[in-house]
Amino acid sequence: MSILEIADIVGIAAFALSGFWVAVEEKLDLLGVFIASFLTALGGGIIRDVIVGRLPYSFIHSIPSLLVILVILIAFLLRLKDNKDFQNRSIFILSDSMGLVSFSISGALVGLESGLEFFGVILLSLITAVGGGVLRDILLNRVPLILKSDIYGSIAIITGSIIYIFDLFNLLSNFIIISVFILSLLLRLTAYYKNWHLPKVY
């Protein structure tokens, strides 16, 4: 299994969980929970693959869909045991952050494989990371997280830039990618808990 496939799988599982928590907060029915989770987990990757002219990974492999279903079932069982608001729980923040960083990396790697230049890699990294969440939020009539929350989208841009620079100097390796994942995840969590924000226009 390649590092790209691992990044995709981690991102799918993490975003399926965060999609589930959003669905719970919005009090959706069972079908709504599945739609929100699938959109969050698979939407960004599908958009990414369509942009670069590839068959979407989730269309030609059964693992993504099965993984989303498994995560929903596990989360549903946990939900039955604890009926608190999950939106403010650390598990939501962690899963959403892991999904953001994992898909930022997979988007950048696909961009590099497709021969994109610097800004192409960054944009593909950003689109992969936030695309599913944006589709979900639009469907639920919510302001997408990327437009209002701390430095959410900036994490994807930073992650994609780092991946591109290491590849430019032929230094990209599995160790580097894992290190970038850890550092970007720590940055995202630090930004959230310290309430870091980009300047706002009023």
N, C-alpha and C. Protein backbone atom coordinates (compact mmCIF):
# COMPACT_ATOMS: atom_id res chain seq x y z
N MET A 1 0.85 -1.20 0.00
CA MET A 1 0.00 0.00 0.00
C MET A 1 0.89 1.25 0.00
N SER A 2 0.61 2.17 -0.91
CA SER A 2 1.43 3.37 -1.04
C SER A 2 1.08 4.39 0.03
N ILE A 3 1.97 5.36 0.23
CA ILE A 3 1.73 6.42 1.21
C ILE A 3 0.52 7.26 0.81
N LEU A 4 0.26 7.37 -0.50
CA LEU A 4 -0.92 8.10 -0.98
C LEU A 4 -2.19 7.38 -0.55
N GLU A 5 -2.22 6.07 -0.72
CA GLU A 5 -3.40 5.30 -0.32
C GLU A 5 -3.62 5.36 1.19
N ILE A 6 -2.52 5.31 1.95
CA ILE A 6 -2.63 5.42 3.40
C ILE A 6 -3.21 6.77 3.80
N ALA A 7 -2.71 7.85 3.16
CA ALA A 7 -3.22 9.19 3.45
C ALA A 7 -4.70 9.29 3.13
N ASP A 8 -5.11 8.68 2.01
CA ASP A 8 -6.52 8.71 1.63
C ASP A 8 -7.37 7.96 2.66
N ILE A 9 -6.91 6.79 3.08
CA ILE A 9 -7.68 5.97 4.03
C ILE A 9 -7.81 6.68 5.37
N VAL A 10 -6.72 7.26 5.85
CA VAL A 10 -6.78 8.00 7.13
C VAL A 10 -7.74 9.18 7.00
N GLY A 11 -7.66 9.90 5.87
CA GLY A 11 -8.54 11.04 5.66
C GLY A 11 -10.00 10.64 5.58
N ILE A 12 -10.28 9.55 4.89
CA ILE A 12 -11.66 9.07 4.74
C ILE A 12 -12.24 8.70 6.09
N ALA A 13 -11.50 7.93 6.88
CA ALA A 13 -12.00 7.50 8.19
C ALA A 13 -12.21 8.71 9.11
N ALA A 14 -11.24 9.63 9.11
CA ALA A 14 -11.33 10.79 9.99
C ALA A 14 -12.48 11.71 9.60
N PHE A 15 -12.65 11.96 8.32
CA PHE A 15 -13.72 12.86 7.87
C PHE A 15 -15.09 12.20 7.96
N ALA A 16 -15.15 10.87 7.84
CA ALA A 16 -16.43 10.18 8.04
C ALA A 16 -16.92 10.40 9.46
N LEU A 17 -15.98 10.37 10.40
CA LEU A 17 -16.33 10.58 11.81
C LEU A 17 -16.77 12.03 12.05
N SER A 18 -16.02 12.99 11.48
CA SER A 18 -16.41 14.39 11.69
C SER A 18 -17.74 14.69 11.01
N GLY A 19 -17.98 14.05 9.85
CA GLY A 19 -19.27 14.22 9.19
C GLY A 19 -20.42 13.67 10.02
N PHE A 20 -20.15 12.57 10.70
CA PHE A 20 -21.16 11.99 11.59
C PHE A 20 -21.52 12.95 12.72
N TRP A 21 -20.49 13.57 13.32
CA TRP A 21 -20.76 14.50 14.43
C TRP A 21 -21.57 15.70 13.98
N VAL A 22 -21.28 16.21 12.77
CA VAL A 22 -22.04 17.34 12.25
C VAL A 22 -23.50 16.92 12.04
N ALA A 23 -23.69 15.72 11.50
CA ALA A 23 -25.05 15.22 11.28
C ALA A 23 -25.82 15.09 12.59
N VAL A 24 -25.13 14.65 13.64
CA VAL A 24 -25.76 14.53 14.96
C VAL A 24 -26.15 15.91 15.47
N GLU A 25 -25.26 16.87 15.30
CA GLU A 25 -25.56 18.23 15.76
C GLU A 25 -26.77 18.81 15.03
N GLU A 26 -26.89 18.49 13.73
CA GLU A 26 -28.00 19.00 12.94
C GLU A 26 -29.27 18.18 13.10
N LYS A 27 -29.18 17.09 13.92
CA LYS A 27 -30.35 16.23 14.19
C LYS A 27 -30.92 15.62 12.91
N LEU A 28 -30.04 15.12 12.05
CA LEU A 28 -30.48 14.49 10.80
C LEU A 28 -30.98 13.08 11.07
N ASP A 29 -31.81 12.57 10.13
CA ASP A 29 -32.25 11.19 10.26
C ASP A 29 -31.15 10.25 9.76
N LEU A 30 -31.41 8.96 9.74
CA LEU A 30 -30.38 7.97 9.41
C LEU A 30 -29.81 8.19 8.02
N LEU A 31 -30.69 8.45 7.04
CA LEU A 31 -30.21 8.70 5.67
C LEU A 31 -29.36 9.97 5.64
N GLY A 32 -29.79 10.99 6.36
CA GLY A 32 -29.04 12.24 6.41
C GLY A 32 -27.66 12.04 6.99
N VAL A 33 -27.56 11.18 8.02
CA VAL A 33 -26.26 10.89 8.63
C VAL A 33 -25.34 10.25 7.60
N PHE A 34 -25.85 9.29 6.84
CA PHE A 34 -25.03 8.63 5.83
C PHE A 34 -24.60 9.59 4.73
N ILE A 35 -25.52 10.44 4.28
CA ILE A 35 -25.20 11.40 3.23
C ILE A 35 -24.14 12.39 3.72
N ALA A 36 -24.30 12.93 4.93
CA ALA A 36 -23.34 13.88 5.47
C ALA A 36 -21.97 13.25 5.63
N SER A 37 -21.94 12.01 6.11
CA SER A 37 -20.67 11.32 6.32
C SER A 37 -19.99 10.99 5.01
N PHE A 38 -20.75 10.49 4.04
CA PHE A 38 -20.17 10.15 2.74
C PHE A 38 -19.67 11.39 2.01
N LEU A 39 -20.45 12.47 2.06
CA LEU A 39 -20.02 13.71 1.41
C LEU A 39 -18.72 14.23 2.01
N THR A 40 -18.67 14.25 3.34
CA THR A 40 -17.48 14.77 4.03
C THR A 40 -16.26 13.91 3.74
N ALA A 41 -16.45 12.58 3.77
CA ALA A 41 -15.32 11.66 3.63
C ALA A 41 -14.83 11.51 2.20
N LEU A 42 -15.75 11.53 1.23
CA LEU A 42 -15.37 11.20 -0.14
C LEU A 42 -15.42 12.37 -1.10
N GLY A 43 -16.13 13.44 -0.74
CA GLY A 43 -16.34 14.55 -1.67
C GLY A 43 -15.06 15.19 -2.17
N GLY A 44 -14.14 15.51 -1.25
CA GLY A 44 -12.90 16.17 -1.64
C GLY A 44 -12.05 15.32 -2.57
N GLY A 45 -11.96 14.02 -2.27
CA GLY A 45 -11.17 13.12 -3.10
C GLY A 45 -11.75 12.95 -4.49
N ILE A 46 -13.09 12.92 -4.58
CA ILE A 46 -13.74 12.80 -5.88
C ILE A 46 -13.47 14.04 -6.74
N ILE A 47 -13.62 15.22 -6.12
CA ILE A 47 -13.34 16.47 -6.85
C ILE A 47 -11.89 16.49 -7.32
N ARG A 48 -10.97 16.11 -6.43
CA ARG A 48 -9.53 16.06 -6.76
C ARG A 48 -9.28 15.19 -7.98
N ASP A 49 -9.83 13.97 -7.97
CA ASP A 49 -9.57 13.03 -9.05
C ASP A 49 -10.19 13.49 -10.37
N VAL A 50 -11.37 14.09 -10.30
CA VAL A 50 -12.01 14.60 -11.52
C VAL A 50 -11.16 15.72 -12.13
N ILE A 51 -10.60 16.59 -11.29
CA ILE A 51 -9.80 17.71 -11.78
C ILE A 51 -8.58 17.21 -12.56
N VAL A 52 -7.93 16.17 -12.05
CA VAL A 52 -6.71 15.67 -12.72
C VAL A 52 -7.00 14.59 -13.74
N GLY A 53 -8.28 14.30 -13.99
CA GLY A 53 -8.64 13.35 -15.03
C GLY A 53 -8.46 11.89 -14.65
N ARG A 54 -8.63 11.57 -13.35
CA ARG A 54 -8.53 10.19 -12.89
C ARG A 54 -9.91 9.68 -12.50
N LEU A 55 -10.10 8.37 -12.64
CA LEU A 55 -11.31 7.79 -12.07
C LEU A 55 -11.23 7.94 -10.55
N PRO A 56 -12.28 8.48 -9.92
CA PRO A 56 -12.23 8.67 -8.47
C PRO A 56 -11.88 7.38 -7.73
N TYR A 57 -10.97 7.51 -6.78
CA TYR A 57 -10.50 6.36 -6.01
C TYR A 57 -11.65 5.62 -5.35
N SER A 58 -12.62 6.36 -4.84
CA SER A 58 -13.75 5.74 -4.14
C SER A 58 -14.72 5.05 -5.08
N PHE A 59 -14.58 5.27 -6.41
CA PHE A 59 -15.45 4.62 -7.38
C PHE A 59 -14.90 3.27 -7.84
N ILE A 60 -13.60 3.08 -7.71
CA ILE A 60 -12.99 1.85 -8.24
C ILE A 60 -12.43 0.95 -7.12
N HIS A 61 -12.60 1.37 -5.88
CA HIS A 61 -12.20 0.56 -4.74
C HIS A 61 -13.35 0.51 -3.74
N SER A 62 -13.55 -0.62 -3.14
CA SER A 62 -14.65 -0.77 -2.18
C SER A 62 -14.27 -0.31 -0.77
N ILE A 63 -12.96 -0.21 -0.51
CA ILE A 63 -12.51 0.14 0.84
C ILE A 63 -13.08 1.47 1.34
N PRO A 64 -13.06 2.55 0.52
CA PRO A 64 -13.58 3.83 1.04
C PRO A 64 -15.02 3.76 1.54
N SER A 65 -15.92 3.18 0.75
CA SER A 65 -17.33 3.11 1.16
C SER A 65 -17.52 2.22 2.38
N LEU A 66 -16.83 1.07 2.39
CA LEU A 66 -16.94 0.17 3.53
C LEU A 66 -16.39 0.84 4.79
N LEU A 67 -15.33 1.61 4.63
CA LEU A 67 -14.73 2.29 5.76
C LEU A 67 -15.67 3.34 6.34
N VAL A 68 -16.34 4.09 5.47
CA VAL A 68 -17.30 5.09 5.93
C VAL A 68 -18.43 4.42 6.71
N ILE A 69 -18.96 3.33 6.16
CA ILE A 69 -20.04 2.61 6.83
C ILE A 69 -19.60 2.09 8.19
N LEU A 70 -18.40 1.52 8.26
CA LEU A 70 -17.88 1.01 9.52
C LEU A 70 -17.72 2.12 10.56
N VAL A 71 -17.20 3.26 10.13
CA VAL A 71 -17.02 4.39 11.05
C VAL A 71 -18.38 4.87 11.57
N ILE A 72 -19.37 4.95 10.69
CA ILE A 72 -20.70 5.39 11.10
C ILE A 72 -21.29 4.43 12.14
N LEU A 73 -21.14 3.13 11.91
CA LEU A 73 -21.69 2.14 12.84
C LEU A 73 -21.02 2.25 14.21
N ILE A 74 -19.69 2.39 14.22
CA ILE A 74 -18.96 2.52 15.48
C ILE A 74 -19.36 3.81 16.20
N ALA A 75 -19.44 4.90 15.44
CA ALA A 75 -19.81 6.19 16.03
C ALA A 75 -21.24 6.15 16.56
N PHE A 76 -22.12 5.44 15.85
CA PHE A 76 -23.51 5.33 16.30
C PHE A 76 -23.59 4.59 17.63
N LEU A 77 -22.80 3.53 17.78
CA LEU A 77 -22.78 2.79 19.04
C LEU A 77 -22.25 3.66 20.17
N LEU A 78 -21.21 4.44 19.88
CA LEU A 78 -20.68 5.36 20.89
C LEU A 78 -21.71 6.43 21.24
N ARG A 79 -22.46 6.85 20.25
CA ARG A 79 -23.50 7.85 20.45
C ARG A 79 -24.58 7.34 21.41
N LEU A 80 -24.92 6.05 21.28
CA LEU A 80 -25.94 5.48 22.15
C LEU A 80 -25.50 5.47 23.61
N LYS A 81 -24.18 5.35 23.82
CA LYS A 81 -23.65 5.28 25.18
C LYS A 81 -23.50 6.67 25.82
N ASP A 82 -23.34 7.67 24.98
CA ASP A 82 -23.10 9.02 25.51
C ASP A 82 -23.85 10.01 24.64
N ASN A 83 -24.91 10.61 25.18
CA ASN A 83 -25.80 11.46 24.39
C ASN A 83 -25.44 12.94 24.45
N LYS A 84 -24.18 13.27 24.79
CA LYS A 84 -23.77 14.67 24.88
C LYS A 84 -23.56 15.27 23.50
N ASP A 85 -23.42 16.59 23.47
CA ASP A 85 -23.14 17.30 22.22
C ASP A 85 -21.70 17.02 21.79
N PHE A 86 -21.55 16.35 20.64
CA PHE A 86 -20.22 15.94 20.20
C PHE A 86 -19.45 17.06 19.52
N GLN A 87 -20.13 18.11 19.11
CA GLN A 87 -19.46 19.16 18.34
C GLN A 87 -18.30 19.78 19.11
N ASN A 88 -18.42 19.85 20.43
CA ASN A 88 -17.38 20.48 21.23
C ASN A 88 -16.42 19.48 21.86
N ARG A 89 -16.53 18.24 21.49
CA ARG A 89 -15.68 17.22 22.07
C ARG A 89 -14.36 17.12 21.33
N SER A 90 -13.35 16.72 22.06
CA SER A 90 -12.01 16.63 21.48
C SER A 90 -11.96 15.63 20.32
N ILE A 91 -12.81 14.60 20.38
CA ILE A 91 -12.78 13.58 19.33
C ILE A 91 -13.19 14.18 17.98
N PHE A 92 -14.13 15.13 18.00
CA PHE A 92 -14.52 15.78 16.75
C PHE A 92 -13.38 16.62 16.20
N ILE A 93 -12.76 17.41 17.07
CA ILE A 93 -11.67 18.27 16.63
C ILE A 93 -10.51 17.44 16.10
N LEU A 94 -10.18 16.36 16.79
CA LEU A 94 -9.07 15.51 16.37
C LEU A 94 -9.37 14.83 15.03
N SER A 95 -10.57 14.27 14.88
CA SER A 95 -10.91 13.58 13.64
C SER A 95 -10.96 14.55 12.47
N ASP A 96 -11.53 15.73 12.68
CA ASP A 96 -11.61 16.71 11.61
C ASP A 96 -10.21 17.21 11.22
N SER A 97 -9.36 17.39 12.21
CA SER A 97 -7.99 17.84 11.95
C SER A 97 -7.19 16.77 11.20
N MET A 98 -7.35 15.51 11.60
CA MET A 98 -6.66 14.42 10.91
C MET A 98 -7.13 14.31 9.46
N GLY A 99 -8.43 14.47 9.24
CA GLY A 99 -8.95 14.44 7.88
C GLY A 99 -8.40 15.57 7.03
N LEU A 100 -8.38 16.77 7.63
CA LEU A 100 -7.85 17.95 6.93
C LEU A 100 -6.41 17.74 6.49
N VAL A 101 -5.57 17.30 7.40
CA VAL A 101 -4.14 17.14 7.10
C VAL A 101 -3.90 15.97 6.15
N SER A 102 -4.58 14.85 6.37
CA SER A 102 -4.39 13.68 5.50
C SER A 102 -4.77 13.99 4.06
N PHE A 103 -5.90 14.67 3.87
CA PHE A 103 -6.33 14.99 2.51
C PHE A 103 -5.50 16.12 1.91
N SER A 104 -4.96 16.99 2.74
CA SER A 104 -4.02 18.00 2.22
C SER A 104 -2.81 17.31 1.61
N ILE A 105 -2.31 16.29 2.30
CA ILE A 105 -1.15 15.55 1.82
C ILE A 105 -1.50 14.75 0.57
N SER A 106 -2.63 14.04 0.59
CA SER A 106 -2.98 13.23 -0.58
C SER A 106 -3.25 14.11 -1.80
N GLY A 107 -3.86 15.29 -1.58
CA GLY A 107 -4.08 16.21 -2.69
C GLY A 107 -2.77 16.69 -3.30
N ALA A 108 -1.82 17.01 -2.43
CA ALA A 108 -0.50 17.46 -2.90
C ALA A 108 0.22 16.35 -3.66
N LEU A 109 0.14 15.13 -3.15
CA LEU A 109 0.81 14.00 -3.80
C LEU A 109 0.21 13.70 -5.18
N VAL A 110 -1.10 13.77 -5.27
CA VAL A 110 -1.76 13.57 -6.57
C VAL A 110 -1.37 14.69 -7.53
N GLY A 111 -1.29 15.91 -7.01
CA GLY A 111 -0.87 17.04 -7.83
C GLY A 111 0.53 16.84 -8.38
N LEU A 112 1.44 16.35 -7.55
CA LEU A 112 2.82 16.08 -7.99
C LEU A 112 2.85 14.96 -9.02
N GLU A 113 2.07 13.90 -8.78
CA GLU A 113 2.01 12.79 -9.73
C GLU A 113 1.47 13.25 -11.08
N SER A 114 0.58 14.23 -11.05
CA SER A 114 -0.05 14.72 -12.28
C SER A 114 0.78 15.80 -12.97
N GLY A 115 1.92 16.15 -12.40
CA GLY A 115 2.80 17.13 -13.03
C GLY A 115 2.37 18.57 -12.84
N LEU A 116 1.60 18.87 -11.82
CA LEU A 116 1.15 20.24 -11.60
C LEU A 116 2.29 21.09 -11.04
N GLU A 117 2.22 22.39 -11.31
CA GLU A 117 3.20 23.32 -10.77
C GLU A 117 2.78 23.73 -9.35
N PHE A 118 3.56 24.64 -8.76
CA PHE A 118 3.41 24.99 -7.35
C PHE A 118 1.97 25.36 -6.98
N PHE A 119 1.39 26.32 -7.69
CA PHE A 119 0.05 26.77 -7.32
C PHE A 119 -1.00 25.70 -7.61
N GLY A 120 -0.76 24.88 -8.62
CA GLY A 120 -1.66 23.77 -8.90
C GLY A 120 -1.67 22.76 -7.78
N VAL A 121 -0.49 22.45 -7.27
CA VAL A 121 -0.38 21.51 -6.15
C VAL A 121 -1.07 22.06 -4.91
N ILE A 122 -0.84 23.34 -4.62
CA ILE A 122 -1.46 23.96 -3.44
C ILE A 122 -2.99 23.96 -3.56
N LEU A 123 -3.50 24.35 -4.73
CA LEU A 123 -4.95 24.40 -4.91
C LEU A 123 -5.56 23.02 -4.82
N LEU A 124 -4.89 22.01 -5.39
CA LEU A 124 -5.42 20.66 -5.33
C LEU A 124 -5.39 20.14 -3.89
N SER A 125 -4.35 20.51 -3.15
CA SER A 125 -4.27 20.15 -1.74
C SER A 125 -5.42 20.77 -0.96
N LEU A 126 -5.69 22.05 -1.22
CA LEU A 126 -6.77 22.76 -0.53
C LEU A 126 -8.13 22.18 -0.89
N ILE A 127 -8.36 21.95 -2.18
CA ILE A 127 -9.65 21.43 -2.65
C ILE A 127 -9.92 20.05 -2.07
N THR A 128 -8.89 19.20 -2.06
CA THR A 128 -9.06 17.85 -1.51
C THR A 128 -9.38 17.90 -0.04
N ALA A 129 -8.72 18.81 0.68
CA ALA A 129 -8.88 18.88 2.13
C ALA A 129 -10.24 19.43 2.55
N VAL A 130 -10.75 20.42 1.84
CA VAL A 130 -11.97 21.10 2.30
C VAL A 130 -13.19 20.83 1.43
N GLY A 131 -12.98 20.19 0.27
CA GLY A 131 -14.08 20.02 -0.68
C GLY A 131 -15.28 19.28 -0.11
N GLY A 132 -15.03 18.16 0.57
CA GLY A 132 -16.13 17.38 1.13
C GLY A 132 -16.88 18.14 2.20
N GLY A 133 -16.15 18.82 3.07
CA GLY A 133 -16.79 19.59 4.13
C GLY A 133 -17.61 20.75 3.59
N VAL A 134 -17.11 21.39 2.53
CA VAL A 134 -17.85 22.50 1.92
C VAL A 134 -19.16 21.99 1.30
N LEU A 135 -19.09 20.86 0.59
CA LEU A 135 -20.31 20.27 0.01
C LEU A 135 -21.33 19.94 1.09
N ARG A 136 -20.84 19.36 2.18
CA ARG A 136 -21.73 19.01 3.31
C ARG A 136 -22.37 20.25 3.90
N ASP A 137 -21.57 21.29 4.14
CA ASP A 137 -22.10 22.49 4.77
C ASP A 137 -23.08 23.24 3.88
N ILE A 138 -22.81 23.24 2.57
CA ILE A 138 -23.76 23.87 1.64
C ILE A 138 -25.08 23.12 1.66
N LEU A 139 -25.02 21.78 1.68
CA LEU A 139 -26.23 20.97 1.73
C LEU A 139 -27.03 21.24 3.00
N LEU A 140 -26.31 21.50 4.10
CA LEU A 140 -26.97 21.73 5.39
C LEU A 140 -27.22 23.21 5.66
N ASN A 141 -26.95 24.06 4.66
CA ASN A 141 -27.17 25.50 4.77
C ASN A 141 -26.37 26.10 5.92
N ARG A 142 -25.09 25.68 6.02
CA ARG A 142 -24.17 26.20 7.03
C ARG A 142 -23.05 26.97 6.32
N VAL A 143 -22.48 27.95 7.00
CA VAL A 143 -21.30 28.63 6.47
C VAL A 143 -20.13 27.65 6.57
N PRO A 144 -19.48 27.32 5.44
CA PRO A 144 -18.36 26.36 5.49
C PRO A 144 -17.29 26.77 6.49
N LEU A 145 -16.75 25.77 7.18
CA LEU A 145 -15.76 26.01 8.22
C LEU A 145 -14.56 26.79 7.71
N ILE A 146 -14.17 26.55 6.45
CA ILE A 146 -13.00 27.21 5.88
C ILE A 146 -13.15 28.72 5.83
N LEU A 147 -14.39 29.21 5.81
CA LEU A 147 -14.63 30.65 5.68
C LEU A 147 -14.69 31.38 7.00
N LYS A 148 -14.73 30.64 8.12
CA LYS A 148 -14.94 31.33 9.39
C LYS A 148 -14.09 30.84 10.55
N SER A 149 -13.41 29.69 10.40
CA SER A 149 -12.78 29.08 11.56
C SER A 149 -11.26 29.15 11.52
N ASP A 150 -10.68 29.71 12.56
CA ASP A 150 -9.23 29.84 12.80
C ASP A 150 -8.45 29.87 11.49
N ILE A 151 -7.44 29.02 11.33
CA ILE A 151 -6.65 29.04 10.08
C ILE A 151 -6.83 27.71 9.36
N TYR A 152 -8.08 27.27 9.30
CA TYR A 152 -8.44 25.95 8.77
C TYR A 152 -7.88 25.72 7.37
N GLY A 153 -8.27 26.58 6.43
CA GLY A 153 -7.80 26.41 5.06
C GLY A 153 -6.31 26.67 4.91
N SER A 154 -5.78 27.53 5.76
CA SER A 154 -4.35 27.85 5.69
C SER A 154 -3.49 26.63 5.99
N ILE A 155 -3.99 25.73 6.83
CA ILE A 155 -3.25 24.50 7.15
C ILE A 155 -3.04 23.68 5.88
N ALA A 156 -4.08 23.57 5.05
CA ALA A 156 -3.97 22.82 3.80
C ALA A 156 -2.96 23.47 2.86
N ILE A 157 -2.99 24.80 2.79
CA ILE A 157 -2.06 25.52 1.93
C ILE A 157 -0.63 25.33 2.40
N ILE A 158 -0.41 25.44 3.70
CA ILE A 158 0.93 25.26 4.26
C ILE A 158 1.43 23.84 4.03
N THR A 159 0.56 22.86 4.28
CA THR A 159 0.93 21.45 4.10
C THR A 159 1.29 21.16 2.65
N GLY A 160 0.46 21.61 1.72
CA GLY A 160 0.74 21.40 0.30
C GLY A 160 2.03 22.07 -0.14
N SER A 161 2.30 23.25 0.41
CA SER A 161 3.54 23.97 0.06
C SER A 161 4.77 23.21 0.54
N ILE A 162 4.71 22.68 1.75
CA ILE A 162 5.85 21.95 2.30
C ILE A 162 6.12 20.69 1.49
N ILE A 163 5.05 19.97 1.15
CA ILE A 163 5.21 18.75 0.33
C ILE A 163 5.85 19.09 -1.01
N TYR A 164 5.40 20.17 -1.64
CA TYR A 164 5.94 20.57 -2.94
C TYR A 164 7.42 20.92 -2.83
N ILE A 165 7.79 21.68 -1.80
CA ILE A 165 9.18 22.12 -1.64
C ILE A 165 10.12 20.94 -1.42
N PHE A 166 9.70 19.99 -0.57
CA PHE A 166 10.54 18.81 -0.36
C PHE A 166 10.69 18.01 -1.65
N ASP A 167 9.60 17.90 -2.42
CA ASP A 167 9.69 17.17 -3.69
C ASP A 167 10.58 17.91 -4.69
N LEU A 168 10.53 19.23 -4.66
CA LEU A 168 11.33 20.04 -5.58
C LEU A 168 12.82 19.76 -5.40
N PHE A 169 13.23 19.51 -4.17
CA PHE A 169 14.64 19.24 -3.88
C PHE A 169 14.93 17.74 -3.75
N ASN A 170 13.97 16.93 -4.26
CA ASN A 170 14.13 15.46 -4.25
C ASN A 170 14.38 14.91 -2.85
N LEU A 171 13.72 15.50 -1.86
CA LEU A 171 13.89 15.07 -0.47
C LEU A 171 12.63 14.39 0.08
N LEU A 172 11.60 14.28 -0.77
CA LEU A 172 10.33 13.73 -0.30
C LEU A 172 10.45 12.21 -0.08
N SER A 173 10.11 11.79 1.11
CA SER A 173 10.16 10.36 1.46
C SER A 173 8.99 10.07 2.40
N ASN A 174 8.77 8.80 2.68
CA ASN A 174 7.70 8.44 3.61
C ASN A 174 7.92 9.06 4.98
N PHE A 175 9.17 9.10 5.41
CA PHE A 175 9.49 9.71 6.71
C PHE A 175 9.13 11.19 6.71
N ILE A 176 9.47 11.89 5.63
CA ILE A 176 9.16 13.33 5.53
C ILE A 176 7.65 13.53 5.53
N ILE A 177 6.93 12.71 4.79
CA ILE A 177 5.47 12.85 4.70
C ILE A 177 4.83 12.62 6.06
N ILE A 178 5.28 11.60 6.78
CA ILE A 178 4.75 11.34 8.12
C ILE A 178 5.07 12.50 9.06
N SER A 179 6.28 13.04 8.95
CA SER A 179 6.69 14.18 9.78
C SER A 179 5.82 15.40 9.48
N VAL A 180 5.55 15.65 8.19
CA VAL A 180 4.69 16.77 7.80
C VAL A 180 3.29 16.57 8.36
N PHE A 181 2.80 15.33 8.31
CA PHE A 181 1.48 15.03 8.86
C PHE A 181 1.42 15.40 10.35
N ILE A 182 2.40 14.96 11.11
CA ILE A 182 2.41 15.21 12.55
C ILE A 182 2.51 16.70 12.85
N LEU A 183 3.41 17.39 12.16
CA LEU A 183 3.59 18.82 12.41
C LEU A 183 2.35 19.63 12.01
N SER A 184 1.75 19.28 10.86
CA SER A 184 0.55 20.00 10.42
C SER A 184 -0.62 19.74 11.36
N LEU A 185 -0.72 18.50 11.85
CA LEU A 185 -1.78 18.17 12.79
C LEU A 185 -1.62 18.95 14.09
N LEU A 186 -0.39 19.03 14.58
CA LEU A 186 -0.12 19.81 15.80
C LEU A 186 -0.42 21.28 15.59
N LEU A 187 -0.10 21.79 14.39
CA LEU A 187 -0.38 23.19 14.08
C LEU A 187 -1.88 23.45 14.07
N ARG A 188 -2.64 22.56 13.46
CA ARG A 188 -4.10 22.71 13.41
C ARG A 188 -4.71 22.67 14.81
N LEU A 189 -4.27 21.72 15.64
CA LEU A 189 -4.81 21.60 16.99
C LEU A 189 -4.42 22.81 17.85
N THR A 190 -3.19 23.27 17.69
CA THR A 190 -2.74 24.45 18.42
C THR A 190 -3.55 25.68 18.02
N ALA A 191 -3.78 25.83 16.71
CA ALA A 191 -4.56 26.96 16.20
C ALA A 191 -5.98 26.94 16.77
N TYR A 192 -6.54 25.74 16.87
CA TYR A 192 -7.91 25.64 17.39
C TYR A 192 -7.97 25.99 18.88
N TYR A 193 -7.13 25.35 19.66
CA TYR A 193 -7.21 25.52 21.11
C TYR A 193 -6.70 26.89 21.57
N LYS A 194 -5.83 27.52 20.79
CA LYS A 194 -5.36 28.86 21.13
C LYS A 194 -6.17 29.94 20.41
N ASN A 195 -7.16 29.48 19.63
CA ASN A 195 -8.10 30.39 18.96
C ASN A 195 -7.40 31.36 18.01
N TRP A 196 -6.44 30.82 17.24
CA TRP A 196 -5.76 31.65 16.24
C TRP A 196 -6.69 31.90 15.06
N HIS A 197 -6.69 33.13 14.55
CA HIS A 197 -7.52 33.48 13.40
C HIS A 197 -6.73 34.37 12.45
N LEU A 198 -7.10 34.30 11.18
CA LEU A 198 -6.59 35.27 10.22
C LEU A 198 -7.34 36.59 10.44
N PRO A 199 -6.76 37.71 10.03
CA PRO A 199 -7.46 39.00 10.16
C PRO A 199 -8.82 38.97 9.46
N LYS A 200 -9.81 39.57 10.07
CA LYS A 200 -11.16 39.61 9.49
C LYS A 200 -11.45 40.99 8.93
N VAL A 201 -12.26 41.01 7.88
CA VAL A 201 -12.69 42.26 7.25
C VAL A 201 -14.09 42.60 7.73
N TYR A 202 -14.25 43.74 8.35
CA TYR A 202 -15.56 44.14 8.88
C TYR A 202 -16.11 45.31 8.07
